[in-house]
C-alpha cells in the first residue's frame, strides 16, 4: 500500500519520490546539469542525505562558512549542494563526477575506499560527529534480532552497503555467530528515512522496522505507542562511534588544496558553533526541516551526540567488513581510509 505523508520533512519526501521516479543519477543530473570534468580551485559540490547527522553541513551552508574560509585562502568559492538517499547513490554520484564531496555512512566509505584503492583513491575527509543509531520496530513481538521473522521488513537507506546495513550484519554475527552475519539481509529493504519513518509511525504497511538515524528514530519512538528500540549501534560497536562521514577522491584533494582547506576549516567552525550554540543550530535545521523544536533540541543536546570532525571508533566496523569479505583490503588503521589532515588528527 502507499506510504503515508512524512512527519519529519516535507522537502525530503518530495526529493525521495523524485529520486525513485527519475533514478538516482538522473536526479543528480537535474541538480548539477552535467557531470563536469576536473575544475579549477574555487568550486565544490557536496552531497548530503537526510537527518540531524548532517547538521554540520546545514550550519556550514546556512552561515556560508566555506565561502568565509575561502576568502582567507584568496578564493571566492562557489558551493553547490544536493540531497540524495542512500550510500550507493552517493558513491555513484562521486565516481561519475557529479559531486566532489560525498556525505554517507562509514560503510559506503569503506566500500568505495576498497574499490578505488590504487585508482581514484577515495578516502575520508572528516566525520560529521558521533550519533547512536537505533533499529526501531513497531512489532510488539520483536524484542531482539532473533524475533524477526520472514514477514518482517527492516527499512534501510541502502541494502547491503549503508552503515546501518553493515552494523546490522555486525550485530547478527555477534548474536548468531560469524557465519550468520548476513542472516537478516533478506528482510531488509531500501527506503529513504522520511518514508520509512512514516511507515513505522502509521503502521499497516510491510515496513514494520527501520534502522535509521536522528531525528527519524526519535520521531518513531514518540509517534507510535508500539515503536521500541531493538538495537543500539553504540552497543554493537562498543561505544560512541562516527557513523556518518564525508569523503572525496585523491584527485580533488590534490588539485584543489585551497578549496579543500577552506572546506575542512568550515566544518571545524561549524562544529564549534553547534557545541557553543545548540539553540542557534536547531533554528538552522528548522529552516530546512519540519520537526518539533523541543524534540530537535533534545537530540542536539543529548550527551551521547557529539559534533566533531575527527572520526572515532571506526576501525572495528572496517575490520569486520574485511572479515566477512565485504571489502578485499584489510585496514590496519583508520588512517588507511582517511586522508592525513589536521582536521582528522586524533581520530580512531
Protein backbone atom coordinates (compact mmCIF):
# COMPACT_ATOMS: atom_id res chain seq x y z
CA UNK A 1 0.00 0.00 0.00
CA UNK A 2 1.24 3.57 -0.50
CA UNK A 3 3.15 5.14 2.35
CA UNK A 4 1.53 7.95 4.36
CA UNK A 5 2.87 11.51 4.40
CA UNK A 6 6.15 12.02 6.20
CA UNK A 7 6.04 13.70 9.62
CA UNK A 8 9.70 14.71 9.56
CA UNK A 9 10.49 16.69 6.42
CA UNK A 10 8.21 17.61 3.55
CA UNK A 11 11.00 18.65 1.23
CA UNK A 12 12.86 15.42 1.91
CA UNK A 13 9.79 13.37 0.96
CA UNK A 14 9.37 15.21 -2.31
CA UNK A 15 13.05 14.67 -3.06
CA UNK A 16 12.89 10.95 -2.28
CA UNK A 17 9.93 10.49 -4.62
CA UNK A 18 11.77 12.36 -7.35
CA UNK A 19 14.76 10.10 -6.99
CA UNK A 20 12.66 6.95 -7.18
CA UNK A 21 10.79 8.22 -10.22
CA UNK A 22 13.67 9.62 -12.20
CA UNK A 23 16.53 7.49 -10.94
CA UNK A 24 19.34 8.50 -8.63
CA UNK A 25 21.79 9.69 -11.26
CA UNK A 26 19.04 11.43 -13.19
CA UNK A 27 18.27 13.46 -10.09
CA UNK A 28 21.91 14.34 -9.77
CA UNK A 29 21.94 15.50 -13.36
CA UNK A 30 18.97 17.72 -12.57
CA UNK A 31 20.91 19.21 -9.68
CA UNK A 32 24.17 19.75 -11.46
CA UNK A 33 23.17 19.67 -15.15
CA UNK A 34 26.04 17.55 -16.43
CA UNK A 35 28.91 15.60 -14.96
CA UNK A 36 31.72 18.10 -15.04
CA UNK A 37 35.37 17.43 -15.70
CA UNK A 38 38.03 18.38 -13.18
CA UNK A 39 37.61 22.04 -12.35
CA UNK A 40 39.85 24.78 -11.07
CA UNK A 41 40.11 25.97 -7.49
CA UNK A 42 37.10 27.79 -6.16
CA UNK A 43 34.23 25.35 -6.69
CA UNK A 44 32.96 22.47 -4.57
CA UNK A 45 29.89 20.25 -4.98
CA UNK A 46 28.62 18.49 -1.86
CA UNK A 47 26.01 15.76 -1.41
CA UNK A 48 24.23 15.23 1.89
CA UNK A 49 21.42 12.93 2.92
CA UNK A 50 18.61 13.10 5.50
CA UNK A 51 18.76 13.73 9.23
CA UNK A 52 20.41 15.63 12.06
CA UNK A 53 23.61 13.73 11.38
CA UNK A 54 24.11 16.27 8.57
CA UNK A 55 23.71 19.28 10.87
CA UNK A 56 27.39 20.21 10.42
CA UNK A 57 26.71 20.65 6.71
CA UNK A 58 23.45 22.54 7.36
CA UNK A 59 25.28 25.04 9.57
CA UNK A 60 28.15 25.29 7.09
CA UNK A 61 25.71 26.10 4.30
CA UNK A 62 23.50 28.49 6.26
CA UNK A 63 26.38 30.51 7.68
CA UNK A 64 28.33 30.37 4.38
CA UNK A 65 31.39 29.12 6.22
CA UNK A 66 33.08 27.63 3.15
CA UNK A 67 32.81 30.96 1.39
CA UNK A 68 34.14 32.69 4.52
CA UNK A 69 37.10 30.35 4.85
CA UNK A 70 37.71 30.55 1.11
CA UNK A 71 38.31 34.28 1.34
CA UNK A 72 41.12 33.56 3.79
CA UNK A 73 42.66 31.44 1.03
CA UNK A 74 42.16 34.21 -1.53
CA UNK A 75 39.23 32.43 -3.22
CA UNK A 76 35.61 33.24 -3.99
CA UNK A 77 34.30 29.69 -3.66
CA UNK A 78 31.10 28.61 -5.40
CA UNK A 79 29.35 25.89 -3.41
CA UNK A 80 26.70 23.56 -4.87
CA UNK A 81 24.55 21.40 -2.59
CA UNK A 82 22.39 18.36 -3.30
CA UNK A 83 20.47 15.84 -1.21
CA UNK A 84 20.42 12.12 -2.05
CA UNK A 85 19.22 8.98 -0.31
CA UNK A 86 21.49 6.00 0.29
CA UNK A 87 25.21 5.34 0.18
CA UNK A 88 25.04 3.54 -3.16
CA UNK A 89 23.58 6.61 -4.88
CA UNK A 90 26.12 8.89 -3.24
CA UNK A 91 29.02 6.66 -4.29
CA UNK A 92 27.73 6.54 -7.87
CA UNK A 93 27.50 10.32 -7.92
CA UNK A 94 31.06 10.71 -6.66
CA UNK A 95 32.59 8.27 -9.12
CA UNK A 96 30.61 9.69 -12.05
CA UNK A 97 31.97 13.17 -11.34
CA UNK A 98 28.66 14.74 -10.32
CA UNK A 99 29.89 15.68 -6.86
CA UNK A 100 33.23 16.42 -5.20
CA UNK A 101 32.42 15.54 -1.59
CA UNK A 102 30.13 12.70 -0.55
CA UNK A 103 28.19 12.51 2.70
CA UNK A 104 27.26 8.98 3.75
CA UNK A 105 27.92 6.29 6.32
CA UNK A 106 31.22 4.67 7.19
CA UNK A 107 30.01 1.54 5.36
CA UNK A 108 29.77 3.27 1.97
CA UNK A 109 33.11 5.00 2.61
CA UNK A 110 34.83 1.67 3.26
CA UNK A 111 33.21 0.12 0.19
CA UNK A 112 34.36 2.88 -2.14
CA UNK A 113 37.80 3.13 -0.49
CA UNK A 114 38.33 -0.58 -1.11
CA UNK A 115 37.13 -0.47 -4.72
CA UNK A 116 39.10 2.64 -5.71
CA UNK A 117 42.36 1.84 -3.96
CA UNK A 118 45.20 2.41 -6.39
CA UNK A 119 42.91 4.31 -8.79
CA UNK A 120 40.72 7.21 -7.64
CA UNK A 121 41.86 6.58 -4.04
CA UNK A 122 38.72 7.76 -2.30
CA UNK A 123 39.27 8.46 1.40
CA UNK A 124 37.51 10.10 4.30
CA UNK A 125 37.73 13.87 4.72
CA UNK A 126 36.03 14.26 8.11
CA UNK A 127 33.43 12.84 10.44
CA UNK A 128 30.09 14.56 10.95
CA UNK A 129 30.02 13.51 14.59
CA UNK A 130 29.08 10.61 16.84
CA UNK A 131 25.43 9.53 16.89
CA UNK A 132 23.76 6.39 18.24
CA UNK A 133 21.67 4.75 15.52
CA UNK A 134 18.61 2.77 16.63
CA UNK A 135 16.88 -0.14 14.96
CA UNK A 136 13.22 0.60 15.81
CA UNK A 137 10.30 -1.82 15.35
CA UNK A 138 6.56 -1.35 15.77
CA UNK A 139 6.03 -5.11 16.04
CA UNK A 140 5.43 -5.84 19.77
CA UNK A 141 6.70 -9.39 19.30
CA UNK A 142 10.16 -8.25 18.18
CA UNK A 143 12.40 -7.68 21.20
CA UNK A 144 15.73 -8.90 19.82
CA UNK A 145 17.18 -9.73 16.40
CA UNK A 146 16.18 -13.35 16.94
CA UNK A 147 12.50 -12.36 16.94
CA UNK A 148 12.45 -11.04 13.37
CA UNK A 149 10.57 -13.38 11.03
CA UNK A 150 10.10 -13.88 7.30
CA UNK A 151 7.19 -11.41 7.16
CA UNK A 152 9.04 -8.56 8.88
CA UNK A 153 10.70 -5.86 6.79
CA UNK A 154 13.54 -3.65 8.02
CA UNK A 155 13.95 -0.36 6.14
CA UNK A 156 17.48 0.86 5.49
CA UNK A 157 18.76 3.77 3.36
CA UNK A 158 20.59 1.25 1.15
CA UNK A 159 20.60 -2.55 1.38
CA UNK A 160 23.98 -4.15 1.93
CA UNK A 161 26.12 -1.02 1.61
CA UNK A 162 24.74 1.55 4.11
CA UNK A 163 26.30 1.88 7.54
CA UNK A 164 23.00 0.69 9.04
CA UNK A 165 23.18 -2.46 6.90
CA UNK A 166 26.77 -3.11 7.98
CA UNK A 167 26.04 -2.55 11.68
CA UNK A 168 23.05 -4.90 11.40
CA UNK A 169 25.35 -7.53 9.89
CA UNK A 170 27.89 -6.96 12.64
CA UNK A 171 25.15 -7.40 15.26
CA UNK A 172 23.92 -10.59 13.58
CA UNK A 173 27.43 -12.02 13.68
CA UNK A 174 27.71 -11.17 17.37
CA UNK A 175 24.35 -12.76 18.21
CA UNK A 176 24.18 -15.76 15.88
CA UNK A 177 27.85 -16.45 15.04
CA UNK A 178 30.22 -15.17 12.37
CA UNK A 179 28.82 -17.46 9.66
CA UNK A 180 25.36 -15.91 10.16
CA UNK A 181 26.41 -12.31 9.56
CA UNK A 182 24.03 -11.94 6.57
CA UNK A 183 21.11 -13.70 8.26
CA UNK A 184 18.80 -10.66 8.24
CA UNK A 185 19.76 -9.25 4.83
CA UNK A 186 16.84 -11.00 3.15
CA UNK A 187 14.27 -8.99 5.13
CA UNK A 188 15.91 -5.59 4.62
CA UNK A 189 14.59 -3.09 2.08
CA UNK A 190 15.94 0.21 0.73
CA UNK A 191 13.62 3.07 1.78
CA UNK A 192 14.53 6.75 2.33
CA UNK A 193 14.46 7.70 6.02
CA UNK A 194 11.41 10.02 5.78
CA UNK A 195 9.27 7.36 4.10
CA UNK A 196 10.40 4.63 6.49
CA UNK A 197 9.58 6.85 9.47
CA UNK A 198 6.08 7.49 8.14
CA UNK A 199 5.53 3.75 7.69
CA UNK A 200 6.67 2.84 11.20
CA UNK A 201 4.53 5.55 12.80
CA UNK A 202 1.40 4.79 10.78
CA UNK A 203 1.66 1.01 10.85
CA UNK A 204 -0.24 -1.19 8.43
CA UNK A 205 2.50 -1.33 5.76
CA UNK A 206 5.01 -4.07 5.04
CA UNK A 207 7.70 -1.88 6.65
CA UNK A 208 7.49 -2.57 10.39
CA UNK A 209 11.07 -1.74 11.37
CA UNK A 210 13.57 0.94 10.47
CA UNK A 211 17.29 1.23 11.14
CA UNK A 212 17.58 4.97 10.81
CA UNK A 213 19.29 7.95 12.41
CA UNK A 214 18.32 11.11 14.32
CA UNK A 215 15.73 12.61 14.24
CA UNK A 216 13.78 9.88 12.47
CA UNK A 217 14.32 7.26 15.15
CA UNK A 218 13.20 9.69 17.87
CA UNK A 219 10.11 10.65 15.85
CA UNK A 220 9.17 6.99 15.54
CA UNK A 221 9.54 6.40 19.27
CA UNK A 222 7.44 9.50 20.03
CA UNK A 223 4.85 8.93 17.30
CA UNK A 224 3.93 5.26 17.74
CA UNK A 225 2.95 3.60 21.01
CA UNK A 226 4.27 0.30 19.66
CA UNK A 227 7.64 1.64 18.50
CA UNK A 228 10.59 0.47 20.57
CA UNK A 229 14.37 0.08 20.24
CA UNK A 230 15.60 -3.35 19.22
CA UNK A 231 19.25 -2.44 18.62
CA UNK A 232 21.60 0.43 19.56
CA UNK A 233 24.64 0.92 17.30
CA UNK A 234 26.82 2.07 20.21
CA UNK A 235 26.30 -1.28 21.95
CA UNK A 236 27.17 -3.16 18.77
CA UNK A 237 30.34 -1.12 18.21
CA UNK A 238 31.44 -0.97 21.82
CA UNK A 239 30.87 2.72 22.46
CA UNK A 240 30.43 6.10 20.75
CA UNK A 241 31.34 5.95 17.10
CA UNK A 242 31.27 8.04 13.95
CA UNK A 243 28.64 6.54 11.70
CA UNK A 244 28.35 9.32 9.09
CA UNK A 245 31.34 10.84 7.31
CA UNK A 246 32.46 12.92 4.34
CA UNK A 247 34.82 11.62 1.67
CA UNK A 248 36.38 12.61 -1.63
CA UNK A 249 38.79 11.47 -4.32
CA UNK A 250 42.52 11.99 -4.00
CA UNK A 251 42.41 13.92 -7.29
CA UNK A 252 40.01 16.54 -5.93
CA UNK A 253 42.06 16.97 -2.77
CA UNK A 254 45.35 17.28 -4.63
CA UNK A 255 44.11 19.59 -7.39
CA UNK A 256 42.14 21.91 -5.09
CA UNK A 257 44.23 22.33 -1.94
CA UNK A 258 42.93 25.79 -1.05
CA UNK A 259 39.28 24.83 -1.58
CA UNK A 260 39.85 21.64 0.39
CA UNK A 261 41.44 23.52 3.30
CA UNK A 262 38.60 26.03 3.30
CA UNK A 263 36.07 23.19 3.42
CA UNK A 264 37.67 21.38 6.36
CA UNK A 265 38.15 24.65 8.23
CA UNK A 266 34.48 25.45 7.67
CA UNK A 267 33.46 22.08 9.12
CA UNK A 268 35.56 22.67 12.23
CA UNK A 269 33.98 26.12 12.63
CA UNK A 270 30.51 24.61 12.24
CA UNK A 271 31.24 22.04 14.94
CA UNK A 272 32.39 24.80 17.30
CA UNK A 273 29.21 26.76 16.56
CA UNK A 274 26.89 23.82 17.31
CA UNK A 275 28.62 23.00 20.59
CA UNK A 276 28.52 26.63 21.72
CA UNK A 277 25.08 27.49 20.35
CA UNK A 278 22.77 24.45 20.15
CA UNK A 279 19.68 26.68 20.04
CA UNK A 280 21.01 28.55 17.01
CA UNK A 281 21.98 25.29 15.34
CA UNK A 282 18.47 23.95 15.91
CA UNK A 283 16.99 27.05 14.30
CA UNK A 284 19.17 26.47 11.23
CA UNK A 285 17.94 22.89 10.96
CA UNK A 286 14.33 24.05 11.24
CA UNK A 287 14.75 26.29 8.19
CA UNK A 288 15.09 23.14 6.09
CA UNK A 289 13.08 20.55 8.00
CA UNK A 290 9.74 20.29 9.79
CA UNK A 291 10.20 18.83 13.26
CA UNK A 292 9.12 19.60 16.81
CA UNK A 293 11.69 22.06 18.19
CA UNK A 294 11.76 20.53 21.67
CA UNK A 295 12.44 17.10 20.22
CA UNK A 296 15.15 18.53 17.98
CA UNK A 297 16.87 20.28 20.87
CA UNK A 298 16.76 17.14 23.00
CA UNK A 299 18.77 15.39 20.28
CA UNK A 300 21.27 18.20 19.69
CA UNK A 301 21.89 18.45 23.46
CA UNK A 302 21.97 14.68 24.07
CA UNK A 303 25.32 13.81 25.75
CA UNK A 304 25.57 10.76 23.50
CA UNK A 305 25.57 13.03 20.44
CA UNK A 306 28.94 14.65 19.79
CA UNK A 307 29.54 17.11 16.96
CA UNK A 308 33.17 16.72 15.92
CA UNK A 309 35.15 16.31 12.70
CA UNK A 310 37.74 13.75 13.85
CA UNK A 311 36.40 10.20 13.34
CA UNK A 312 36.04 7.91 16.34
CA UNK A 313 35.82 4.13 16.74
CA UNK A 314 35.54 3.25 13.03
CA UNK A 315 38.21 0.56 12.71
CA UNK A 316 36.16 -2.25 14.27
CA UNK A 317 33.50 -1.98 11.59
CA UNK A 318 36.17 -1.74 8.89
CA UNK A 319 37.86 -4.93 10.05
CA UNK A 320 34.52 -6.72 10.37
CA UNK A 321 33.73 -5.85 6.75
CA UNK A 322 37.04 -7.35 5.68
CA UNK A 323 36.46 -10.44 7.81
CA UNK A 324 33.16 -11.24 6.08
CA UNK A 325 34.51 -10.43 2.61
CA UNK A 326 32.65 -7.15 2.10
CA UNK A 327 35.97 -5.42 1.34
CA UNK A 328 39.14 -7.01 -0.05
CA UNK A 329 41.71 -4.84 1.69
CA UNK A 330 42.13 -5.14 5.44
CA UNK A 331 42.82 -1.75 7.02
CA UNK A 332 45.40 -1.85 9.79
CA UNK A 333 44.48 1.65 10.94
CA UNK A 334 41.73 4.22 10.43
CA UNK A 335 44.40 6.29 8.68
CA UNK A 336 44.30 3.82 5.79
CA UNK A 337 40.87 5.10 4.72
CA UNK A 338 41.04 8.74 5.91
CA UNK A 339 43.24 11.45 4.46
CA UNK A 340 46.02 12.58 6.77
CA UNK A 341 44.87 16.12 7.57
CA UNK A 342 44.85 18.38 10.63
CA UNK A 343 41.04 18.14 10.66
CA UNK A 344 41.14 14.42 11.43
CA UNK A 345 44.09 14.43 13.84
CA UNK A 346 43.42 12.29 16.89
CA UNK A 347 40.86 10.12 15.12
CA UNK A 348 40.31 6.41 15.52
